[in-house]
């Protein structure tokens, strides 16, 4: 009985040894500061910037992705953040959007 228990544990260990563990990461974008964004203290800042663009375009009802404009917007928000570390990323996006209207 003891031998079969050890064998069962060994088989279970082999089955789960190759299974990668994924950490669930959630990010509250409203709390990201420009400093965190600029110094890349958040996971995947590029993806956050694309999400932010989608969020604001969605609020405006815009369903078109203009990739050159997206790149300019991300650069503008990044530049704004470089000069305003104490603001949130969303404040930076709103300031850049207001300036571009």
PDB file of N, CA and C in Angstrom:
ATOM      1  N   UNK A   1       0.819  -1.193   0.000  1.00  0.00           N
ATOM      2  CA  UNK A   1       0.000   0.000   0.000  1.00  0.00           C
ATOM      3  C   UNK A   1       0.863   1.256   0.000  1.00  0.00           C
ATOM      4  N   UNK A   2       1.931   1.230   0.809  1.00  0.00           N
ATOM      5  CA  UNK A   2       2.812   2.375   0.881  1.00  0.00           C
ATOM      6  C   UNK A   2       3.514   2.614  -0.456  1.00  0.00           C
ATOM      7  N   UNK A   3       3.887   1.531  -1.134  1.00  0.00           N
ATOM      8  CA  UNK A   3       4.576   1.643  -2.428  1.00  0.00           C
ATOM      9  C   UNK A   3       3.645   2.247  -3.483  1.00  0.00           C
ATOM     10  N   UNK A   4       2.382   1.859  -3.487  1.00  0.00           N
ATOM     11  CA  UNK A   4       1.445   2.403  -4.481  1.00  0.00           C
ATOM     12  C   UNK A   4       1.155   3.884  -4.213  1.00  0.00           C
ATOM     13  N   UNK A   5       1.168   4.284  -2.959  1.00  0.00           N
ATOM     14  CA  UNK A   5       0.949   5.697  -2.617  1.00  0.00           C
ATOM     15  C   UNK A   5       2.128   6.537  -3.117  1.00  0.00           C
ATOM     16  N   UNK A   6       3.333   6.020  -2.938  1.00  0.00           N
ATOM     17  CA  UNK A   6       4.533   6.725  -3.395  1.00  0.00           C
ATOM     18  C   UNK A   6       4.538   6.803  -4.917  1.00  0.00           C
ATOM     19  N   UNK A   7       4.146   5.719  -5.556  1.00  0.00           N
ATOM     20  CA  UNK A   7       4.083   5.712  -7.018  1.00  0.00           C
ATOM     21  C   UNK A   7       3.048   6.729  -7.505  1.00  0.00           C
ATOM     22  N   UNK A   8       1.899   6.778  -6.849  1.00  0.00           N
ATOM     23  CA  UNK A   8       0.858   7.735  -7.221  1.00  0.00           C
ATOM     24  C   UNK A   8       1.324   9.175  -7.059  1.00  0.00           C
ATOM     25  N   UNK A   9       2.021   9.457  -5.977  1.00  0.00           N
ATOM     26  CA  UNK A   9       2.554  10.802  -5.760  1.00  0.00           C
ATOM     27  C   UNK A   9       3.604  11.156  -6.801  1.00  0.00           C
ATOM     28  N   UNK A  10       4.420  10.179  -7.170  1.00  0.00           N
ATOM     29  CA  UNK A  10       5.453  10.426  -8.183  1.00  0.00           C
ATOM     30  C   UNK A  10       4.816  10.733  -9.533  1.00  0.00           C
ATOM     31  N   UNK A  11       3.783   9.996  -9.881  1.00  0.00           N
ATOM     32  CA  UNK A  11       3.090  10.238 -11.160  1.00  0.00           C
ATOM     33  C   UNK A  11       2.437  11.618 -11.145  1.00  0.00           C
ATOM     34  N   UNK A  12       1.793  11.982 -10.039  1.00  0.00           N
ATOM     35  CA  UNK A  12       1.164  13.291  -9.940  1.00  0.00           C
ATOM     36  C   UNK A  12       2.208  14.403 -10.049  1.00  0.00           C
ATOM     37  N   UNK A  13       3.343  14.214  -9.421  1.00  0.00           N
ATOM     38  CA  UNK A  13       4.411  15.216  -9.484  1.00  0.00           C
ATOM     39  C   UNK A  13       4.909  15.370 -10.913  1.00  0.00           C
ATOM     40  N   UNK A  14       5.040  14.275 -11.644  1.00  0.00           N
ATOM     41  CA  UNK A  14       5.484  14.350 -13.038  1.00  0.00           C
ATOM     42  C   UNK A  14       4.454  15.050 -13.918  1.00  0.00           C
ATOM     43  N   UNK A  15       3.178  14.804 -13.676  1.00  0.00           N
ATOM     44  CA  UNK A  15       2.132  15.423 -14.480  1.00  0.00           C
ATOM     45  C   UNK A  15       2.092  16.930 -14.293  1.00  0.00           C
ATOM     46  N   UNK A  16       2.281  17.368 -13.062  1.00  0.00           N
ATOM     47  CA  UNK A  16       2.178  18.796 -12.780  1.00  0.00           C
ATOM     48  C   UNK A  16       3.508  19.539 -12.870  1.00  0.00           C
ATOM     49  N   UNK A  17       4.593  18.833 -13.021  1.00  0.00           N
ATOM     50  CA  UNK A  17       5.910  19.474 -13.096  1.00  0.00           C
ATOM     51  C   UNK A  17       6.043  20.326 -14.359  1.00  0.00           C
ATOM     52  N   UNK A  18       5.431  19.897 -15.457  1.00  0.00           N
ATOM     53  CA  UNK A  18       5.552  20.632 -16.708  1.00  0.00           C
ATOM     54  C   UNK A  18       4.494  21.699 -16.898  1.00  0.00           C
ATOM     55  N   UNK A  19       3.575  21.847 -15.967  1.00  0.00           N
ATOM     56  CA  UNK A  19       2.508  22.824 -16.084  1.00  0.00           C
ATOM     57  C   UNK A  19       2.999  24.169 -15.560  1.00  0.00           C
ATOM     58  N   UNK A  20       3.062  25.176 -16.432  1.00  0.00           N
ATOM     59  CA  UNK A  20       3.536  26.478 -15.962  1.00  0.00           C
ATOM     60  C   UNK A  20       2.507  27.140 -15.044  1.00  0.00           C
ATOM     61  N   UNK A  21       3.007  27.875 -14.080  1.00  0.00           N
ATOM     62  CA  UNK A  21       2.137  28.618 -13.177  1.00  0.00           C
ATOM     63  C   UNK A  21       2.009  30.041 -13.703  1.00  0.00           C
ATOM     64  N   UNK A  22       0.791  30.501 -13.868  1.00  0.00           N
ATOM     65  CA  UNK A  22       0.546  31.848 -14.354  1.00  0.00           C
ATOM     66  C   UNK A  22       0.007  32.707 -13.219  1.00  0.00           C
ATOM     67  N   UNK A  23       0.657  33.805 -12.986  1.00  0.00           N
ATOM     68  CA  UNK A  23       0.166  34.742 -11.989  1.00  0.00           C
ATOM     69  C   UNK A  23      -0.888  35.630 -12.637  1.00  0.00           C
ATOM     70  N   UNK A  24      -1.966  35.808 -11.942  1.00  0.00           N
ATOM     71  CA  UNK A  24      -3.001  36.697 -12.464  1.00  0.00           C
ATOM     72  C   UNK A  24      -2.601  38.120 -12.108  1.00  0.00           C
ATOM     73  N   UNK A  25      -2.492  38.961 -13.112  1.00  0.00           N
ATOM     74  CA  UNK A  25      -2.100  40.345 -12.905  1.00  0.00           C
ATOM     75  C   UNK A  25      -3.237  41.232 -13.373  1.00  0.00           C
ATOM     76  N   UNK A  26      -3.727  42.051 -12.484  1.00  0.00           N
ATOM     77  CA  UNK A  26      -4.730  43.033 -12.865  1.00  0.00           C
ATOM     78  C   UNK A  26      -4.153  44.419 -12.583  1.00  0.00           C
ATOM     79  N   UNK A  27      -4.527  45.354 -13.403  1.00  0.00           N
ATOM     80  CA  UNK A  27      -4.013  46.711 -13.284  1.00  0.00           C
ATOM     81  C   UNK A  27      -5.187  47.673 -13.312  1.00  0.00           C
ATOM     82  N   UNK A  28      -5.269  48.531 -12.315  1.00  0.00           N
ATOM     83  CA  UNK A  28      -6.269  49.593 -12.306  1.00  0.00           C
ATOM     84  C   UNK A  28      -5.632  50.788 -13.009  1.00  0.00           C
ATOM     85  N   UNK A  29      -6.004  50.992 -14.255  1.00  0.00           N
ATOM     86  CA  UNK A  29      -5.379  52.014 -15.085  1.00  0.00           C
ATOM     87  C   UNK A  29      -5.566  53.406 -14.478  1.00  0.00           C
ATOM     88  N   UNK A  30      -6.659  53.629 -13.765  1.00  0.00           N
ATOM     89  CA  UNK A  30      -6.903  54.952 -13.182  1.00  0.00           C
ATOM     90  C   UNK A  30      -5.887  55.302 -12.096  1.00  0.00           C
ATOM     91  N   UNK A  31      -5.159  54.317 -11.602  1.00  0.00           N
ATOM     92  CA  UNK A  31      -4.181  54.567 -10.535  1.00  0.00           C
ATOM     93  C   UNK A  31      -2.741  54.601 -11.024  1.00  0.00           C
ATOM     94  N   UNK A  32      -2.519  54.344 -12.291  1.00  0.00           N
ATOM     95  CA  UNK A  32      -1.152  54.367 -12.824  1.00  0.00           C
ATOM     96  C   UNK A  32      -0.692  55.809 -12.924  1.00  0.00           C
ATOM     97  N   UNK A  33       0.469  56.084 -12.354  1.00  0.00           N
ATOM     98  CA  UNK A  33       1.017  57.436 -12.450  1.00  0.00           C
ATOM     99  C   UNK A  33       1.887  57.551 -13.695  1.00  0.00           C
ATOM    100  N   UNK A  34       2.108  58.777 -14.092  1.00  0.00           N
ATOM    101  CA  UNK A  34       3.001  59.009 -15.230  1.00  0.00           C
ATOM    102  C   UNK A  34       4.405  58.497 -14.921  1.00  0.00           C
ATOM    103  N   UNK A  35       4.827  58.647 -13.680  1.00  0.00           N
ATOM    104  CA  UNK A  35       6.150  58.148 -13.298  1.00  0.00           C
ATOM    105  C   UNK A  35       6.228  56.639 -13.491  1.00  0.00           C
ATOM    106  N   UNK A  36       5.210  55.915 -13.062  1.00  0.00           N
ATOM    107  CA  UNK A  36       5.194  54.455 -13.243  1.00  0.00           C
ATOM    108  C   UNK A  36       5.209  54.086 -14.720  1.00  0.00           C
ATOM    109  N   UNK A  37       4.449  54.831 -15.511  1.00  0.00           N
ATOM    110  CA  UNK A  37       4.392  54.561 -16.942  1.00  0.00           C
ATOM    111  C   UNK A  37       5.732  54.867 -17.611  1.00  0.00           C
ATOM    112  N   UNK A  38       6.309  56.013 -17.296  1.00  0.00           N
ATOM    113  CA  UNK A  38       7.567  56.434 -17.919  1.00  0.00           C
ATOM    114  C   UNK A  38       8.711  55.473 -17.583  1.00  0.00           C
ATOM    115  N   UNK A  39       8.806  55.065 -16.318  1.00  0.00           N
ATOM    116  CA  UNK A  39       9.893  54.186 -15.890  1.00  0.00           C
ATOM    117  C   UNK A  39       9.551  52.704 -16.027  1.00  0.00           C
ATOM    118  N   UNK A  40       8.428  52.415 -16.686  1.00  0.00           N
ATOM    119  CA  UNK A  40       8.032  51.042 -16.994  1.00  0.00           C
ATOM    120  C   UNK A  40       7.910  50.179 -15.734  1.00  0.00           C
ATOM    121  N   UNK A  41       7.310  50.775 -14.703  1.00  0.00           N
ATOM    122  CA  UNK A  41       7.110  50.066 -13.442  1.00  0.00           C
ATOM    123  C   UNK A  41       5.815  49.266 -13.443  1.00  0.00           C
ATOM    124  N   UNK A  42       5.138  49.254 -14.560  1.00  0.00           N
ATOM    125  CA  UNK A  42       3.908  48.486 -14.721  1.00  0.00           C
ATOM    126  C   UNK A  42       4.161  47.411 -15.768  1.00  0.00           C
ATOM    127  N   UNK A  43       3.444  46.309 -15.699  1.00  0.00           N
ATOM    128  CA  UNK A  43       3.628  45.284 -16.721  1.00  0.00           C
ATOM    129  C   UNK A  43       3.086  45.747 -18.075  1.00  0.00           C
ATOM    130  N   UNK A  44       3.846  45.543 -19.111  1.00  0.00           N
ATOM    131  CA  UNK A  44       3.428  45.806 -20.489  1.00  0.00           C
ATOM    132  C   UNK A  44       2.862  47.209 -20.719  1.00  0.00           C
ATOM    133  N   UNK A  45       3.666  48.249 -20.534  1.00  0.00           N
ATOM    134  CA  UNK A  45       3.137  49.603 -20.722  1.00  0.00           C
ATOM    135  C   UNK A  45       2.615  49.861 -22.139  1.00  0.00           C
ATOM    136  N   UNK A  46       3.170  49.176 -23.133  1.00  0.00           N
ATOM    137  CA  UNK A  46       2.675  49.354 -24.505  1.00  0.00           C
ATOM    138  C   UNK A  46       1.231  48.877 -24.620  1.00  0.00           C
ATOM    139  N   UNK A  47       0.939  47.748 -23.987  1.00  0.00           N
ATOM    140  CA  UNK A  47      -0.429  47.226 -24.023  1.00  0.00           C
ATOM    141  C   UNK A  47      -1.376  48.138 -23.253  1.00  0.00           C
ATOM    142  N   UNK A  48      -0.900  48.711 -22.164  1.00  0.00           N
ATOM    143  CA  UNK A  48      -1.721  49.650 -21.398  1.00  0.00           C
ATOM    144  C   UNK A  48      -2.037  50.875 -22.257  1.00  0.00           C
ATOM    145  N   UNK A  49      -1.058  51.361 -22.997  1.00  0.00           N
ATOM    146  CA  UNK A  49      -1.265  52.528 -23.858  1.00  0.00           C
ATOM    147  C   UNK A  49      -2.286  52.215 -24.949  1.00  0.00           C
ATOM    148  N   UNK A  50      -2.218  51.044 -25.530  1.00  0.00           N
ATOM    149  CA  UNK A  50      -3.191  50.659 -26.561  1.00  0.00           C
ATOM    150  C   UNK A  50      -4.584  50.526 -25.936  1.00  0.00           C
ATOM    151  N   UNK A  51      -4.653  49.930 -24.747  1.00  0.00           N
ATOM    152  CA  UNK A  51      -5.940  49.816 -24.053  1.00  0.00           C
ATOM    153  C   UNK A  51      -6.515  51.211 -23.792  1.00  0.00           C
ATOM    154  N   UNK A  52      -5.667  52.119 -23.336  1.00  0.00           N
ATOM    155  CA  UNK A  52      -6.100  53.481 -23.035  1.00  0.00           C
ATOM    156  C   UNK A  52      -6.655  54.161 -24.283  1.00  0.00           C
ATOM    157  N   UNK A  53      -5.994  53.957 -25.412  1.00  0.00           N
ATOM    158  CA  UNK A  53      -6.480  54.511 -26.669  1.00  0.00           C
ATOM    159  C   UNK A  53      -7.860  53.940 -27.002  1.00  0.00           C
ATOM    160  N   UNK A  54      -8.012  52.650 -26.839  1.00  0.00           N
ATOM    161  CA  UNK A  54      -9.304  52.019 -27.097  1.00  0.00           C
ATOM    162  C   UNK A  54     -10.394  52.520 -26.161  1.00  0.00           C
ATOM    163  N   UNK A  55     -10.028  52.738 -24.912  1.00  0.00           N
ATOM    164  CA  UNK A  55     -10.981  53.247 -23.920  1.00  0.00           C
ATOM    165  C   UNK A  55     -11.511  54.611 -24.339  1.00  0.00           C
ATOM    166  N   UNK A  56     -10.608  55.526 -24.664  1.00  0.00           N
ATOM    167  CA  UNK A  56     -11.047  56.875 -25.032  1.00  0.00           C
ATOM    168  C   UNK A  56     -11.732  56.906 -26.395  1.00  0.00           C
ATOM    169  N   UNK A  57     -11.266  56.110 -27.332  1.00  0.00           N
ATOM    170  CA  UNK A  57     -11.955  56.051 -28.622  1.00  0.00           C
ATOM    171  C   UNK A  57     -13.344  55.445 -28.473  1.00  0.00           C
ATOM    172  N   UNK A  58     -13.476  54.478 -27.603  1.00  0.00           N
ATOM    173  CA  UNK A  58     -14.781  53.881 -27.339  1.00  0.00           C
ATOM    174  C   UNK A  58     -15.750  54.879 -26.733  1.00  0.00           C
ATOM    175  N   UNK A  59     -15.244  55.715 -25.830  1.00  0.00           N
ATOM    176  CA  UNK A  59     -16.095  56.751 -25.229  1.00  0.00           C
ATOM    177  C   UNK A  59     -16.607  57.727 -26.277  1.00  0.00           C
ATOM    178  N   UNK A  60     -15.812  57.936 -27.326  1.00  0.00           N
ATOM    179  CA  UNK A  60     -16.205  58.859 -28.397  1.00  0.00           C
ATOM    180  C   UNK A  60     -16.982  58.165 -29.510  1.00  0.00           C
ATOM    181  N   UNK A  61     -17.139  56.863 -29.399  1.00  0.00           N
ATOM    182  CA  UNK A  61     -17.862  56.117 -30.426  1.00  0.00           C
ATOM    183  C   UNK A  61     -17.037  55.850 -31.675  1.00  0.00           C
ATOM    184  N   UNK A  62     -15.740  56.039 -31.589  1.00  0.00           N
ATOM    185  CA  UNK A  62     -14.858  55.814 -32.740  1.00  0.00           C
ATOM    186  C   UNK A  62     -14.435  54.347 -32.766  1.00  0.00           C
ATOM    187  N   UNK A  63     -14.762  53.648 -33.848  1.00  0.00           N
ATOM    188  CA  UNK A  63     -14.410  52.231 -33.973  1.00  0.00           C
ATOM    189  C   UNK A  63     -13.292  51.991 -34.974  1.00  0.00           C
ATOM    190  N   UNK A  64     -12.669  53.051 -35.448  1.00  0.00           N
ATOM    191  CA  UNK A  64     -11.614  52.941 -36.461  1.00  0.00           C
ATOM    192  C   UNK A  64     -10.246  53.041 -35.791  1.00  0.00           C
ATOM    193  N   UNK A  65      -9.344  52.136 -36.139  1.00  0.00           N
ATOM    194  CA  UNK A  65      -7.974  52.207 -35.646  1.00  0.00           C
ATOM    195  C   UNK A  65      -7.114  52.827 -36.741  1.00  0.00           C
ATOM    196  N   UNK A  66      -6.592  53.983 -36.452  1.00  0.00           N
ATOM    197  CA  UNK A  66      -5.662  54.663 -37.356  1.00  0.00           C
ATOM    198  C   UNK A  66      -4.283  54.483 -36.727  1.00  0.00           C
ATOM    199  N   UNK A  67      -3.529  53.504 -37.207  1.00  0.00           N
ATOM    200  CA  UNK A  67      -2.275  53.147 -36.539  1.00  0.00           C
ATOM    201  C   UNK A  67      -1.257  54.284 -36.499  1.00  0.00           C
ATOM    202  N   UNK A  68      -1.103  55.089 -37.553  1.00  0.00           N
ATOM    203  CA  UNK A  68      -0.172  56.213 -37.408  1.00  0.00           C
ATOM    204  C   UNK A  68      -0.609  57.200 -36.313  1.00  0.00           C
ATOM    205  N   UNK A  69      -1.913  57.478 -36.236  1.00  0.00           N
ATOM    206  CA  UNK A  69      -2.408  58.374 -35.191  1.00  0.00           C
ATOM    207  C   UNK A  69      -2.247  57.751 -33.807  1.00  0.00           C
ATOM    208  N   UNK A  70      -2.413  56.435 -33.722  1.00  0.00           N
ATOM    209  CA  UNK A  70      -2.234  55.737 -32.454  1.00  0.00           C
ATOM    210  C   UNK A  70      -0.795  55.893 -31.969  1.00  0.00           C
ATOM    211  N   UNK A  71       0.160  55.709 -32.877  1.00  0.00           N
ATOM    212  CA  UNK A  71       1.573  55.857 -32.510  1.00  0.00           C
ATOM    213  C   UNK A  71       1.872  57.281 -32.047  1.00  0.00           C
ATOM    214  N   UNK A  72       1.312  58.272 -32.729  1.00  0.00           N
ATOM    215  CA  UNK A  72       1.520  59.675 -32.336  1.00  0.00           C
ATOM    216  C   UNK A  72       0.898  59.931 -30.970  1.00  0.00           C
ATOM    217  N   UNK A  73      -0.302  59.423 -30.747  1.00  0.00           N
ATOM    218  CA  UNK A  73      -0.984  59.626 -29.465  1.00  0.00           C
ATOM    219  C   UNK A  73      -0.195  59.005 -28.319  1.00  0.00           C
ATOM    220  N   UNK A  74       0.309  57.789 -28.533  1.00  0.00           N
ATOM    221  CA  UNK A  74       1.103  57.129 -27.494  1.00  0.00           C
ATOM    222  C   UNK A  74       2.373  57.928 -27.222  1.00  0.00           C
ATOM    223  N   UNK A  75       3.013  58.412 -28.277  1.00  0.00           N
ATOM    224  CA  UNK A  75       4.226  59.221 -28.100  1.00  0.00           C
ATOM    225  C   UNK A  75       3.906  60.511 -27.348  1.00  0.00           C
ATOM    226  N   UNK A  76       2.785  61.154 -27.697  1.00  0.00           N
ATOM    227  CA  UNK A  76       2.407  62.406 -27.047  1.00  0.00           C
ATOM    228  C   UNK A  76       2.103  62.197 -25.559  1.00  0.00           C
ATOM    229  N   UNK A  77       1.395  61.128 -25.243  1.00  0.00           N
ATOM    230  CA  UNK A  77       1.090  60.831 -23.832  1.00  0.00           C
ATOM    231  C   UNK A  77       2.379  60.502 -23.086  1.00  0.00           C
ATOM    232  N   UNK A  78       3.254  59.743 -23.716  1.00  0.00           N
ATOM    233  CA  UNK A  78       4.540  59.402 -23.089  1.00  0.00           C
ATOM    234  C   UNK A  78       5.368  60.655 -22.835  1.00  0.00           C
ATOM    235  N   UNK A  79       5.426  61.554 -23.801  1.00  0.00           N
ATOM    236  CA  UNK A  79       6.155  62.818 -23.630  1.00  0.00           C
ATOM    237  C   UNK A  79       5.533  63.659 -22.519  1.00  0.00           C
ATOM    238  N   UNK A  80       4.212  63.717 -22.488  1.00  0.00           N
ATOM    239  CA  UNK A  80       3.527  64.464 -21.445  1.00  0.00           C
ATOM    240  C   UNK A  80       3.869  63.882 -20.070  1.00  0.00           C
ATOM    241  N   UNK A  81       3.855  62.558 -19.970  1.00  0.00           N
ATOM    242  CA  UNK A  81       4.170  61.896 -18.699  1.00  0.00           C
ATOM    243  C   UNK A  81       5.603  62.189 -18.251  1.00  0.00           C
ATOM    244  N   UNK A  82       6.508  62.273 -19.207  1.00  0.00           N
ATOM    245  CA  UNK A  82       7.908  62.553 -18.877  1.00  0.00           C
ATOM    246  C   UNK A  82       8.039  63.892 -18.165  1.00  0.00           C
ATOM    247  N   UNK A  83       7.163  64.822 -18.484  1.00  0.00           N
ATOM    248  CA  UNK A  83       7.221  66.161 -17.893  1.00  0.00           C
ATOM    249  C   UNK A  83       6.284  66.325 -16.687  1.00  0.00           C
ATOM    250  N   UNK A  84       5.441  65.324 -16.427  1.00  0.00           N
ATOM    251  CA  UNK A  84       4.419  65.440 -15.369  1.00  0.00           C
ATOM    252  C   UNK A  84       4.301  64.138 -14.572  1.00  0.00           C
ATOM    253  N   UNK A  85       5.359  63.754 -13.894  1.00  0.00           N
ATOM    254  CA  UNK A  85       5.389  62.478 -13.166  1.00  0.00           C
ATOM    255  C   UNK A  85       4.280  62.346 -12.117  1.00  0.00           C
ATOM    256  N   UNK A  86       3.842  63.458 -11.553  1.00  0.00           N
ATOM    257  CA  UNK A  86       2.878  63.389 -10.458  1.00  0.00           C
ATOM    258  C   UNK A  86       1.439  63.156 -10.928  1.00  0.00           C
ATOM    259  N   UNK A  87       1.173  63.270 -12.220  1.00  0.00           N
ATOM    260  CA  UNK A  87      -0.187  63.060 -12.720  1.00  0.00           C
ATOM    261  C   UNK A  87      -0.421  61.590 -13.039  1.00  0.00           C
ATOM    262  N   UNK A  88      -1.705  61.238 -13.141  1.00  0.00           N
ATOM    263  CA  UNK A  88      -2.026  59.865 -13.537  1.00  0.00           C
ATOM    264  C   UNK A  88      -1.939  59.746 -15.059  1.00  0.00           C
ATOM    265  N   UNK A  89      -1.818  58.536 -15.505  1.00  0.00           N
ATOM    266  CA  UNK A  89      -1.764  58.277 -16.943  1.00  0.00           C
ATOM    267  C   UNK A  89      -3.056  58.732 -17.621  1.00  0.00           C
ATOM    268  N   UNK A  90      -4.176  58.541 -16.954  1.00  0.00           N
ATOM    269  CA  UNK A  90      -5.453  58.961 -17.538  1.00  0.00           C
ATOM    270  C   UNK A  90      -5.542  60.484 -17.614  1.00  0.00           C
ATOM    271  N   UNK A  91      -5.006  61.186 -16.625  1.00  0.00           N
ATOM    272  CA  UNK A  91      -4.966  62.649 -16.705  1.00  0.00           C
ATOM    273  C   UNK A  91      -4.103  63.094 -17.880  1.00  0.00           C
ATOM    274  N   UNK A  92      -2.998  62.397 -18.088  1.00  0.00           N
ATOM    275  CA  UNK A  92      -2.116  62.722 -19.215  1.00  0.00           C
ATOM    276  C   UNK A  92      -2.850  62.508 -20.533  1.00  0.00           C
ATOM    277  N   UNK A  93      -3.558  61.384 -20.662  1.00  0.00           N
ATOM    278  CA  UNK A  93      -4.291  61.106 -21.898  1.00  0.00           C
ATOM    279  C   UNK A  93      -5.366  62.159 -22.140  1.00  0.00           C
ATOM    280  N   UNK A  94      -6.064  62.544 -21.079  1.00  0.00           N
ATOM    281  CA  UNK A  94      -7.102  63.569 -21.233  1.00  0.00           C
ATOM    282  C   UNK A  94      -6.502  64.917 -21.630  1.00  0.00           C
ATOM    283  N   UNK A  95      -5.358  65.270 -21.038  1.00  0.00           N
ATOM    284  CA  UNK A  95      -4.705  66.538 -21.382  1.00  0.00           C
ATOM    285  C   UNK A  95      -4.241  66.534 -22.834  1.00  0.00           C
ATOM    286  N   UNK A  96      -3.678  65.432 -23.291  1.00  0.00           N
ATOM    287  CA  UNK A  96      -3.209  65.334 -24.674  1.00  0.00           C
ATOM    288  C   UNK A  96      -4.391  65.380 -25.627  1.00  0.00           C
ATOM    289  N   UNK A  97      -5.487  64.698 -25.279  1.00  0.00           N
ATOM    290  CA  UNK A  97      -6.669  64.713 -26.145  1.00  0.00           C
ATOM    291  C   UNK A  97      -7.264  66.114 -26.230  1.00  0.00           C
ATOM    292  N   UNK A  98      -7.306  66.822 -25.096  1.00  0.00           N
ATOM    293  CA  UNK A  98      -7.871  68.175 -25.087  1.00  0.00           C
ATOM    294  C   UNK A  98      -7.020  69.110 -25.929  1.00  0.00           C
ATOM    295  N   UNK A  99      -5.713  68.930 -25.909  1.00  0.00           N
ATOM    296  CA  UNK A  99      -4.815  69.777 -26.675  1.00  0.00           C
ATOM    297  C   UNK A  99      -4.920  69.489 -28.175  1.00  0.00           C
ATOM    298  N   UNK A 100      -5.300  68.279 -28.537  1.00  0.00           N
ATOM    299  CA  UNK A 100      -5.361  67.914 -29.964  1.00  0.00           C
ATOM    300  C   UNK A 100      -6.698  68.261 -30.610  1.00  0.00           C
ATOM    301  N   UNK A 101      -7.668  68.707 -29.832  1.00  0.00           N
ATOM    302  CA  UNK A 101      -8.997  69.045 -30.396  1.00  0.00           C
ATOM    303  C   UNK A 101      -8.990  70.380 -31.078  1.00  0.00           C
TER     304      UNK A 101
END
